[in-house]
Amino acid sequence: MVEKKTSRYSPEFHERAVRLLDEHRSDYPSISAACREIGGKPGCSGDSLHDWWKQARRPGTRHCARSLLFRQNAASISTTLISLWLMNSLMPRPISSRP
């Protein structure tokens, strides 16, 4: 029987480490080099950070960064559309379009 391995790191730690990698990834020639260098800063291995980064990019996972950004952007867009609709409905209509 294979036992499930528990992580020493919390999901919040995973998210912070992946966010740190995303912010500084362009400073390195490859994702592997970035993971090796950045992984030591929060105190995890580069391999673990690389695995978390790949998992965060996988659609349909619980911690998918893309789906989180999409939900945040969708909420922001819908709020903007509602405010525009309200402003438009409160604006006076031109005389030619009145019944």
Protein backbone atom coordinates (compact mmCIF):
# COMPACT_ATOMS: atom_id res chain seq x y z
CA MET A 1 0.00 0.00 0.00
CA VAL A 2 1.33 3.43 -0.96
CA GLU A 3 0.85 6.13 1.62
CA LYS A 4 0.13 9.68 0.53
CA LYS A 5 3.06 11.99 1.14
CA THR A 6 2.18 15.07 3.16
CA SER A 7 3.77 18.38 2.33
CA ARG A 8 5.87 20.30 4.81
CA TYR A 9 4.71 23.51 3.19
CA SER A 10 1.28 25.09 3.34
CA PRO A 11 -0.70 25.92 0.17
CA GLU A 12 -0.11 29.62 0.97
CA PHE A 13 3.64 28.98 0.98
CA HIS A 14 3.34 27.25 -2.41
CA GLU A 15 1.44 30.22 -3.84
CA ARG A 16 3.94 32.77 -2.48
CA ALA A 17 6.91 30.81 -3.84
CA VAL A 18 5.28 30.45 -7.28
CA ARG A 19 4.40 34.17 -7.28
CA LEU A 20 8.04 35.00 -6.44
CA LEU A 21 9.17 32.78 -9.31
CA ASP A 22 6.73 34.43 -11.73
CA GLU A 23 7.88 37.92 -10.70
CA HIS A 24 11.61 37.21 -11.19
CA ARG A 25 11.59 34.53 -13.89
CA SER A 26 12.63 36.98 -16.62
CA ASP A 27 15.92 37.65 -14.77
CA TYR A 28 17.15 34.12 -15.56
CA PRO A 29 17.95 32.34 -18.83
CA SER A 30 15.61 29.38 -18.16
CA ILE A 31 12.86 28.27 -15.83
CA SER A 32 15.17 25.62 -14.36
CA ALA A 33 17.84 28.18 -13.52
CA ALA A 34 15.22 30.45 -11.98
CA CYS A 35 13.83 27.59 -9.87
CA ARG A 36 17.31 26.63 -8.63
CA GLU A 37 18.18 30.19 -7.64
CA ILE A 38 14.80 31.34 -6.33
CA GLY A 39 13.98 28.07 -4.56
CA GLY A 40 16.61 28.71 -1.92
CA LYS A 41 15.19 32.10 -0.95
CA PRO A 42 11.93 30.86 0.61
CA GLY A 43 13.70 27.70 1.82
CA CYS A 44 12.55 24.97 -0.58
CA SER A 45 14.33 23.00 -3.26
CA GLY A 46 14.39 24.11 -6.88
CA ASP A 47 12.76 20.82 -7.89
CA SER A 48 9.83 21.39 -5.54
CA LEU A 49 9.38 24.94 -6.79
CA HIS A 50 9.45 23.74 -10.40
CA ASP A 51 6.80 21.10 -9.61
CA TRP A 52 4.58 23.68 -7.90
CA TRP A 53 5.02 26.06 -10.84
CA LYS A 54 3.98 23.35 -13.33
CA GLN A 55 1.01 22.40 -11.14
CA ALA A 56 -0.11 26.04 -10.94
CA ARG A 57 -0.20 26.19 -14.74
CA ARG A 58 -2.22 22.99 -15.15
CA PRO A 59 -5.84 23.84 -16.01
CA GLY A 60 -8.47 22.37 -13.72
CA THR A 61 -6.26 22.09 -10.65
CA ARG A 62 -7.32 23.57 -7.38
CA HIS A 63 -4.44 26.06 -7.33
CA CYS A 64 -4.46 26.94 -11.00
CA ALA A 65 -3.15 30.50 -11.26
CA ARG A 66 -4.77 31.01 -14.66
CA SER A 67 -8.24 30.18 -13.37
CA LEU A 68 -7.73 32.47 -10.37
CA LEU A 69 -6.69 35.36 -12.63
CA PHE A 70 -9.60 34.64 -14.95
CA ARG A 71 -12.08 34.75 -12.06
CA GLN A 72 -10.59 38.00 -10.76
CA ASN A 73 -10.65 39.58 -14.23
CA ALA A 74 -14.19 38.36 -14.89
CA ALA A 75 -15.41 39.89 -11.64
CA SER A 76 -13.68 43.16 -12.47
CA ILE A 77 -15.11 43.23 -16.00
CA SER A 78 -18.64 42.48 -14.82
CA THR A 79 -18.42 45.25 -12.22
CA THR A 80 -17.26 47.67 -14.91
CA LEU A 81 -20.04 46.62 -17.27
CA ILE A 82 -22.68 47.08 -14.57
CA SER A 83 -21.44 50.56 -13.75
CA LEU A 84 -21.38 51.51 -17.45
CA TRP A 85 -24.89 50.16 -17.90
CA LEU A 86 -26.11 52.18 -14.90
CA MET A 87 -24.45 55.34 -16.19
CA ASN A 88 -25.97 54.78 -19.61
CA SER A 89 -29.47 54.21 -18.23
CA LEU A 90 -29.25 57.42 -16.17
CA MET A 91 -28.10 59.55 -19.09
CA PRO A 92 -30.78 61.60 -20.85
CA ARG A 93 -31.71 60.26 -24.27
CA PRO A 94 -31.61 62.44 -27.37
CA ILE A 95 -34.91 64.02 -28.32
CA SER A 96 -35.09 62.13 -31.61
CA SER A 97 -35.16 58.75 -29.87
CA ARG A 98 -37.87 59.57 -27.35
CA PRO A 99 -41.27 57.95 -28.00
